[in-house]
C-alpha atoms as a PDB file:
ATOM      1  CA  CYS A   1      28.025   9.492 -28.490  1.00  0.00           C
ATOM      2  CA  PRO A   2      23.947   9.145 -28.193  1.00  0.00           C
ATOM      3  CA  GLN A   3      22.566  12.805 -28.865  1.00  0.00           C
ATOM      4  CA  VAL A   4      19.377  14.410 -29.636  1.00  0.00           C
ATOM      5  CA  LEU A   5      18.943  17.928 -31.111  1.00  0.00           C
ATOM      6  CA  ILE A   6      15.479  19.433 -30.178  1.00  0.00           C
ATOM      7  CA  TYR A   7      13.675  21.932 -31.894  1.00  0.00           C
ATOM      8  CA  GLU A   8      10.965  24.381 -30.435  1.00  0.00           C
ATOM      9  CA  ALA A   9       8.909  23.772 -33.728  1.00  0.00           C
ATOM     10  CA  ALA A  10       7.852  21.002 -35.688  1.00  0.00           C
ATOM     11  CA  GLY A  11      10.212  20.756 -39.655  1.00  0.00           C
ATOM     12  CA  PHE A  12      13.669  22.095 -37.583  1.00  0.00           C
ATOM     13  CA  GLN A  13      12.578  25.490 -36.746  1.00  0.00           C
ATOM     14  CA  GLY A  14      13.199  28.122 -34.120  1.00  0.00           C
ATOM     15  CA  ARG A  15      15.681  27.820 -31.477  1.00  0.00           C
ATOM     16  CA  SER A  16      17.476  24.259 -31.229  1.00  0.00           C
ATOM     17  CA  PHE A  17      20.235  22.748 -28.429  1.00  0.00           C
ATOM     18  CA  THR A  18      20.966  19.358 -27.831  1.00  0.00           C
ATOM     19  CA  ILE A  19      21.308  17.271 -24.745  1.00  0.00           C
ATOM     20  CA  SER A  20      23.142  13.745 -24.642  1.00  0.00           C
ATOM     21  CA  ARG A  21      21.447  12.580 -21.504  1.00  0.00           C
ATOM     22  CA  ASP A  22      18.215  11.915 -19.734  1.00  0.00           C
ATOM     23  CA  ILE A  23      16.008  15.122 -19.327  1.00  0.00           C
ATOM     24  CA  TYR A  24      13.002  14.763 -16.848  1.00  0.00           C
ATOM     25  CA  ASP A  25      11.665  18.062 -17.180  1.00  0.00           C
ATOM     26  CA  LEU A  26      12.192  20.024 -20.553  1.00  0.00           C
ATOM     27  CA  LYS A  27      10.414  22.879 -19.156  1.00  0.00           C
ATOM     28  CA  ARG A  28      13.014  22.988 -16.658  1.00  0.00           C
ATOM     29  CA  LEU A  29      16.606  22.733 -18.650  1.00  0.00           C
ATOM     30  CA  PRO A  30      18.530  26.086 -17.892  1.00  0.00           C
ATOM     31  CA  GLY A  31      17.832  28.648 -20.387  1.00  0.00           C
ATOM     32  CA  PRO A  32      13.959  29.948 -21.753  1.00  0.00           C
ATOM     33  CA  ALA A  33      12.220  26.929 -21.420  1.00  0.00           C
ATOM     34  CA  LEU A  34      10.665  24.611 -23.949  1.00  0.00           C
ATOM     35  CA  PRO A  35       7.003  23.594 -23.515  1.00  0.00           C
ATOM     36  CA  THR A  36       7.216  20.701 -25.653  1.00  0.00           C
ATOM     37  CA  VAL A  37       9.340  19.622 -28.525  1.00  0.00           C
ATOM     38  CA  GLY A  38       8.545  20.643 -32.076  1.00  0.00           C
ATOM     39  CA  SER A  39      10.702  18.263 -33.693  1.00  0.00           C
ATOM     40  CA  LEU A  40      13.881  16.698 -33.411  1.00  0.00           C
ATOM     41  CA  HIS A  41      17.110  14.592 -34.868  1.00  0.00           C
ATOM     42  CA  VAL A  42      18.474  12.223 -32.900  1.00  0.00           C
ATOM     43  CA  LEU A  43      22.090  11.943 -33.776  1.00  0.00           C
ATOM     44  CA  GLY A  44      23.079   8.935 -31.403  1.00  0.00           C
ATOM     45  CA  GLY A  45      21.930   6.229 -29.833  1.00  0.00           C
ATOM     46  CA  CYS A  46      18.332   5.053 -29.188  1.00  0.00           C
ATOM     47  CA  TRP A  47      15.728   6.889 -26.630  1.00  0.00           C
ATOM     48  CA  VAL A  48      12.488   6.694 -25.307  1.00  0.00           C
ATOM     49  CA  GLY A  49      10.783  10.034 -25.323  1.00  0.00           C
ATOM     50  CA  TYR A  50       7.560  10.761 -22.521  1.00  0.00           C
ATOM     51  CA  GLU A  51       4.447  12.657 -22.891  1.00  0.00           C
ATOM     52  CA  LYS A  52       5.342  13.946 -19.198  1.00  0.00           C
ATOM     53  CA  GLU A  53       7.773  14.870 -17.127  1.00  0.00           C
ATOM     54  CA  GLY A  54       9.017  12.429 -15.260  1.00  0.00           C
ATOM     55  CA  PHE A  55       9.575   9.857 -17.809  1.00  0.00           C
ATOM     56  CA  ARG A  56       5.237   9.455 -17.459  1.00  0.00           C
ATOM     57  CA  GLY A  57       2.752   8.979 -19.973  1.00  0.00           C
ATOM     58  CA  HIS A  58       2.356   7.787 -23.545  1.00  0.00           C
ATOM     59  CA  GLN A  59       6.119   6.337 -24.775  1.00  0.00           C
ATOM     60  CA  TYR A  60       7.032   6.802 -28.065  1.00  0.00           C
ATOM     61  CA  LEU A  61      10.773   4.760 -29.199  1.00  0.00           C
ATOM     62  CA  LEU A  62      13.472   7.445 -30.844  1.00  0.00           C
ATOM     63  CA  GLU A  63      15.669   5.784 -33.226  1.00  0.00           C
ATOM     64  CA  GLU A  64      18.745   7.821 -35.182  1.00  0.00           C
ATOM     65  CA  GLY A  65      16.700   9.568 -37.374  1.00  0.00           C
ATOM     66  CA  GLU A  66      14.933  12.677 -38.067  1.00  0.00           C
ATOM     67  CA  TYR A  67      11.409  13.377 -36.852  1.00  0.00           C
ATOM     68  CA  GLN A  68       9.613  16.909 -37.944  1.00  0.00           C
ATOM     69  CA  ASP A  69       6.749  16.439 -36.097  1.00  0.00           C
ATOM     70  CA  TRP A  70       5.022  14.489 -32.838  1.00  0.00           C
ATOM     71  CA  ARG A  71       3.279  12.214 -36.318  1.00  0.00           C
ATOM     72  CA  GLN A  72       5.983  10.808 -37.087  1.00  0.00           C
ATOM     73  CA  TRP A  73       7.356   9.741 -33.818  1.00  0.00           C
ATOM     74  CA  GLY A  74       3.791   8.021 -33.410  1.00  0.00           C
ATOM     75  CA  GLY A  75       2.391  10.979 -30.570  1.00  0.00           C
ATOM     76  CA  TYR A  76      -1.294  11.420 -29.397  1.00  0.00           C
ATOM     77  CA  ASN A  77      -0.498  14.730 -29.220  1.00  0.00           C
ATOM     78  CA  LYS A  78       2.042  17.231 -29.443  1.00  0.00           C
ATOM     79  CA  GLU A  79       3.860  16.619 -26.096  1.00  0.00           C
ATOM     80  CA  LEU A  80       7.017  15.491 -25.485  1.00  0.00           C
ATOM     81  CA  VAL A  81       8.613  16.804 -22.447  1.00  0.00           C
ATOM     82  CA  SER A  82      11.057  14.199 -20.869  1.00  0.00           C
ATOM     83  CA  LEU A  83      13.275  12.267 -22.628  1.00  0.00           C
ATOM     84  CA  ARG A  84      15.445   8.807 -21.326  1.00  0.00           C
ATOM     85  CA  LEU A  85      18.489   7.481 -22.885  1.00  0.00           C
ATOM     86  CA  ILE A  86      18.647   3.005 -23.775  1.00  0.00           C
ATOM     87  CA  ARG A  87      21.568   2.118 -22.186  1.00  0.00           C
ATOM     88  CA  THR A  88      21.205  -1.499 -23.164  1.00  0.00           C
ATOM     89  CA  VAL A  89      20.543  -0.932 -26.573  1.00  0.00           C
ATOM     90  CA  ARG A  90      23.977  -2.915 -27.943  1.00  0.00           C
ATOM     91  CA  ASP A  91      21.903  -6.228 -26.363  1.00  0.00           C
ATOM     92  CA  PHE A  92      20.483  -7.513 -29.216  1.00  0.00           C
ATOM     93  CA  SER A  93      21.329 -10.782 -29.503  1.00  0.00           C
ATOM     94  CA  ASP A  94      19.339 -13.927 -28.412  1.00  0.00           C
ATOM     95  CA  PRO A  95      16.183 -11.481 -27.594  1.00  0.00           C
ATOM     96  CA  ALA A  96      13.470 -12.945 -25.019  1.00  0.00           C
ATOM     97  CA  LEU A  97      11.134 -11.960 -22.611  1.00  0.00           C
ATOM     98  CA  VAL A  98       8.447 -14.281 -21.233  1.00  0.00           C
ATOM     99  CA  LEU A  99       4.413 -12.557 -20.154  1.00  0.00           C
ATOM    100  CA  PHE A 100       2.774 -13.761 -17.442  1.00  0.00           C
ATOM    101  CA  GLU A 101      -1.106 -13.229 -16.900  1.00  0.00           C
ATOM    102  CA  ALA A 102      -0.408 -13.147 -13.006  1.00  0.00           C
ATOM    103  CA  MET A 103       1.548 -10.269 -11.066  1.00  0.00           C
ATOM    104  CA  ASP A 104       4.613 -10.593  -9.655  1.00  0.00           C
ATOM    105  CA  PHE A 105       4.842 -14.540 -11.931  1.00  0.00           C
ATOM    106  CA  GLU A 106       2.274 -16.397  -9.881  1.00  0.00           C
ATOM    107  CA  GLU A 107       1.441 -19.316 -10.895  1.00  0.00           C
ATOM    108  CA  GLY A 108      -0.866 -19.133 -14.466  1.00  0.00           C
ATOM    109  CA  PRO A 109      -0.366 -18.920 -18.103  1.00  0.00           C
ATOM    110  CA  SER A 110       2.508 -17.288 -19.667  1.00  0.00           C
ATOM    111  CA  VAL A 111       4.101 -16.873 -23.059  1.00  0.00           C
ATOM    112  CA  GLU A 112       8.468 -17.214 -23.716  1.00  0.00           C
ATOM    113  CA  LEU A 113       9.187 -15.040 -27.280  1.00  0.00           C
ATOM    114  CA  SER A 114      12.400 -14.658 -29.146  1.00  0.00           C
ATOM    115  CA  GLU A 115      11.098 -12.541 -32.334  1.00  0.00           C
ATOM    116  CA  ALA A 116       7.879 -10.174 -33.330  1.00  0.00           C
ATOM    117  CA  LEU A 117       4.286 -11.296 -32.150  1.00  0.00           C
ATOM    118  CA  PRO A 118       1.828  -9.543 -34.069  1.00  0.00           C
ATOM    119  CA  ASP A 119      -0.842 -11.117 -31.912  1.00  0.00           C
ATOM    120  CA  THR A 120      -0.541 -12.671 -28.546  1.00  0.00           C
ATOM    121  CA  GLN A 121      -3.442 -15.023 -29.205  1.00  0.00           C
ATOM    122  CA  LEU A 122      -1.421 -17.089 -31.784  1.00  0.00           C
ATOM    123  CA  ALA A 123       0.353 -18.381 -29.535  1.00  0.00           C
ATOM    124  CA  GLY A 124      -2.287 -19.062 -27.368  1.00  0.00           C
ATOM    125  CA  TYR A 125      -1.838 -16.712 -24.883  1.00  0.00           C
ATOM    126  CA  GLY A 126      -5.046 -14.363 -23.730  1.00  0.00           C
ATOM    127  CA  THR A 127      -4.007 -10.368 -23.789  1.00  0.00           C
ATOM    128  CA  ILE A 128      -4.025 -10.002 -19.743  1.00  0.00           C
ATOM    129  CA  THR A 129      -0.098  -9.287 -18.746  1.00  0.00           C
ATOM    130  CA  GLN A 130       0.648  -8.479 -15.742  1.00  0.00           C
ATOM    131  CA  SER A 131       4.019  -8.549 -14.979  1.00  0.00           C
ATOM    132  CA  ILE A 132       7.074  -9.127 -17.186  1.00  0.00           C
ATOM    133  CA  HIS A 133      10.312 -10.946 -17.261  1.00  0.00           C
ATOM    134  CA  VAL A 134      12.647  -9.613 -19.601  1.00  0.00           C
ATOM    135  CA  LEU A 135      15.699 -12.118 -20.294  1.00  0.00           C
ATOM    136  CA  SER A 136      17.692 -10.559 -22.790  1.00  0.00           C
ATOM    137  CA  GLY A 137      17.745  -7.693 -25.673  1.00  0.00           C
ATOM    138  CA  VAL A 138      15.577  -4.778 -25.793  1.00  0.00           C
ATOM    139  CA  TRP A 139      11.734  -5.241 -26.444  1.00  0.00           C
ATOM    140  CA  VAL A 140       8.202  -3.304 -27.130  1.00  0.00           C
ATOM    141  CA  ALA A 141       5.293  -4.305 -25.967  1.00  0.00           C
ATOM    142  CA  TYR A 142       1.889  -2.514 -27.116  1.00  0.00           C
ATOM    143  CA  GLU A 143      -1.562  -2.788 -26.133  1.00  0.00           C
ATOM    144  CA  GLY A 144      -2.974  -3.898 -30.033  1.00  0.00           C
ATOM    145  CA  THR A 145      -2.481  -6.253 -32.186  1.00  0.00           C
ATOM    146  CA  ASN A 146      -0.149  -5.886 -35.040  1.00  0.00           C
ATOM    147  CA  PHE A 147       2.212  -3.771 -33.318  1.00  0.00           C
ATOM    148  CA  SER A 148      -0.397  -0.822 -32.971  1.00  0.00           C
ATOM    149  CA  GLY A 149      -2.148   1.282 -29.798  1.00  0.00           C
ATOM    150  CA  GLU A 150      -0.052   2.431 -26.687  1.00  0.00           C
ATOM    151  CA  GLN A 151       3.228   1.451 -26.752  1.00  0.00           C
ATOM    152  CA  TYR A 152       5.514   0.081 -23.569  1.00  0.00           C
ATOM    153  CA  ILE A 153       9.934   0.059 -23.742  1.00  0.00           C
ATOM    154  CA  LEU A 154      10.822  -2.889 -22.019  1.00  0.00           C
ATOM    155  CA  GLU A 155      14.700  -3.033 -21.203  1.00  0.00           C
ATOM    156  CA  LYS A 156      16.371  -6.221 -19.674  1.00  0.00           C
ATOM    157  CA  GLY A 157      14.622  -7.085 -16.177  1.00  0.00           C
ATOM    158  CA  VAL A 158      11.749  -7.739 -14.219  1.00  0.00           C
ATOM    159  CA  TYR A 159       8.572  -6.315 -13.939  1.00  0.00           C
ATOM    160  CA  ARG A 160       6.113  -7.037 -11.313  1.00  0.00           C
ATOM    161  CA  ASN A 161       3.176  -5.228 -11.965  1.00  0.00           C
ATOM    162  CA  CYS A 162       1.737  -3.452 -15.034  1.00  0.00           C
ATOM    163  CA  GLU A 163       3.247   0.149 -13.507  1.00  0.00           C
ATOM    164  CA  ASP A 164       6.698  -0.680 -12.936  1.00  0.00           C
ATOM    165  CA  TRP A 165       6.445  -0.425 -17.179  1.00  0.00           C
ATOM    166  CA  GLY A 166       4.277   2.503 -17.053  1.00  0.00           C
ATOM    167  CA  ALA A 167       0.507   1.275 -18.256  1.00  0.00           C
ATOM    168  CA  ALA A 168      -2.311   2.537 -16.715  1.00  0.00           C
ATOM    169  CA  ASP A 169      -4.040  -1.180 -17.159  1.00  0.00           C
ATOM    170  CA  CYS A 170      -2.487  -4.948 -17.894  1.00  0.00           C
ATOM    171  CA  HIS A 171      -3.694  -5.061 -22.044  1.00  0.00           C
ATOM    172  CA  ILE A 172      -0.210  -6.574 -24.256  1.00  0.00           C
ATOM    173  CA  ALA A 173      -1.904  -8.063 -27.601  1.00  0.00           C
ATOM    174  CA  SER A 174       1.619  -7.381 -29.546  1.00  0.00           C
ATOM    175  CA  ALA A 175       5.244  -7.167 -28.737  1.00  0.00           C
ATOM    176  CA  GLN A 176       8.765  -7.736 -30.767  1.00  0.00           C
ATOM    177  CA  PRO A 177      12.376  -6.758 -30.353  1.00  0.00           C
ATOM    178  CA  ILE A 178      14.591  -4.413 -30.738  1.00  0.00           C
ATOM    179  CA  LEU A 179      16.866  -5.556 -33.680  1.00  0.00           C
ATOM    180  CA  GLN A 180      19.005  -2.776 -34.823  1.00  0.00           C
ATOM    181  CA  VAL A 181      19.259   1.269 -34.085  1.00  0.00           C
ATOM    182  CA  ARG A 182      18.683   2.643 -37.878  1.00  0.00           C
ATOM    183  CA  ALA A 183      20.535   4.364 -40.030  1.00  0.00           C
ATOM    184  CA  PRO A 184      19.707   8.261 -39.513  1.00  0.00           C
ATOM    185  CA  GLY A 185      16.884   9.309 -42.909  1.00  0.00           C
ATOM    186  CA  THR A 186      15.711   5.782 -42.873  1.00  0.00           C
ATOM    187  CA  PRO A 187      11.915   5.184 -42.116  1.00  0.00           C
ATOM    188  CA  PRO A 188      10.748   6.041 -38.032  1.00  0.00           C
ATOM    189  CA  TRP A 189      10.910   2.209 -36.531  1.00  0.00           C
ATOM    190  CA  PRO A 190       8.907  -0.080 -37.188  1.00  0.00           C
ATOM    191  CA  ARG A 191       9.207  -0.883 -40.457  1.00  0.00           C
ATOM    192  CA  ASP A 192      10.036  -4.380 -41.343  1.00  0.00           C
ATOM    193  CA  PRO A 193       6.745  -6.698 -41.910  1.00  0.00           C
ATOM    194  CA  PRO A 194       6.722  -9.016 -38.760  1.00  0.00           C
ATOM    195  CA  VAL A 195       9.409 -12.513 -38.590  1.00  0.00           C
ATOM    196  CA  PRO A 196       6.963 -15.222 -38.090  1.00  0.00           C
ATOM    197  CA  PRO A 197       7.389 -15.841 -34.173  1.00  0.00           C
ATOM    198  CA  ARG A 198       9.086 -18.911 -32.411  1.00  0.00           C
ATOM    199  CA  VAL A 199       6.965 -18.949 -28.929  1.00  0.00           C
ATOM    200  CA  GLY A 200       6.714 -21.469 -26.921  1.00  0.00           C
ATOM    201  CA  LEU A 201       4.584 -21.718 -23.572  1.00  0.00           C
ATOM    202  CA  VAL A 202       6.542 -22.637 -19.991  1.00  0.00           C
ATOM    203  CA  GLU A 203       5.515 -23.049 -17.203  1.00  0.00           C
ATOM    204  CA  ALA A 204       5.018 -19.587 -14.571  1.00  0.00           C
ATOM    205  CA  GLY A 205       7.188 -19.915 -10.895  1.00  0.00           C
ATOM    206  CA  LEU A 206       9.842 -17.129 -12.300  1.00  0.00           C
ATOM    207  CA  GLY A 207      12.720 -16.816  -9.287  1.00  0.00           C
ATOM    208  CA  GLN A 208      13.850 -13.148  -8.131  1.00  0.00           C
ATOM    209  CA  ASP A 209      16.430 -12.374 -10.116  1.00  0.00           C
ATOM    210  CA  THR A 210      17.471  -8.833 -11.388  1.00  0.00           C
ATOM    211  CA  ASN A 211      19.409  -8.798 -12.935  1.00  0.00           C
ATOM    212  CA  GLN A 212      23.287  23.908 -35.164  1.00  0.00           C
ATOM    213  CA  PRO A 213      23.345  26.740 -34.063  1.00  0.00           C
ATOM    214  CA  HIS A 214      22.244  28.195 -30.882  1.00  0.00           C
ATOM    215  CA  SER A 215      23.279  24.476 -29.826  1.00  0.00           C
ATOM    216  CA  VAL A 216      23.903  24.293 -25.609  1.00  0.00           C
ATOM    217  CA  CYS A 217      25.128  20.171 -24.768  1.00  0.00           C
ATOM    218  CA  PHE A 218      23.348  19.364 -21.089  1.00  0.00           C
END
């Protein structure tokens, strides 16, 4: 059962409650509002935390385990105001996505990935991506090389411009699939060295396919 136990203070202190569905704005939940998340324990499922309400701002992948403060989920600051469950988390087999340099899959440079790639330039592709097609699996794309900088969680589907995946610009320099949900108590993901990629260049021209105590459960 997908669940996240949220605490108002770091170190699992203060008021706490459990959520089991998407939270659009933590400040608008019933009862005394929490301004942000101090710490959390992901009891089940794979989630995305967002800096701002409405699933906006910096994105953070939250897999099963404990996060004692905002640094442990890779936060840019203490703000974590909305959360969303990744519903395709079981779709791990044969991950594949295609990065396109042009918007809306127009003709031009593109690269297809099936494994982690720490630097898109290793595949003869640049750092500008303006559209993405996730063929299968769940992926995390990064602004910087070696899985650093802003991260964007990408589920199966089409992303016709960088705004579709919540980016302010079109820089993507590395990417890797989510291979499994980690067990509670293990270090935050990613934790293993990247697998050497098998990358093939493809032609553009994609079709239109779319396809604890004081605990309250929301």
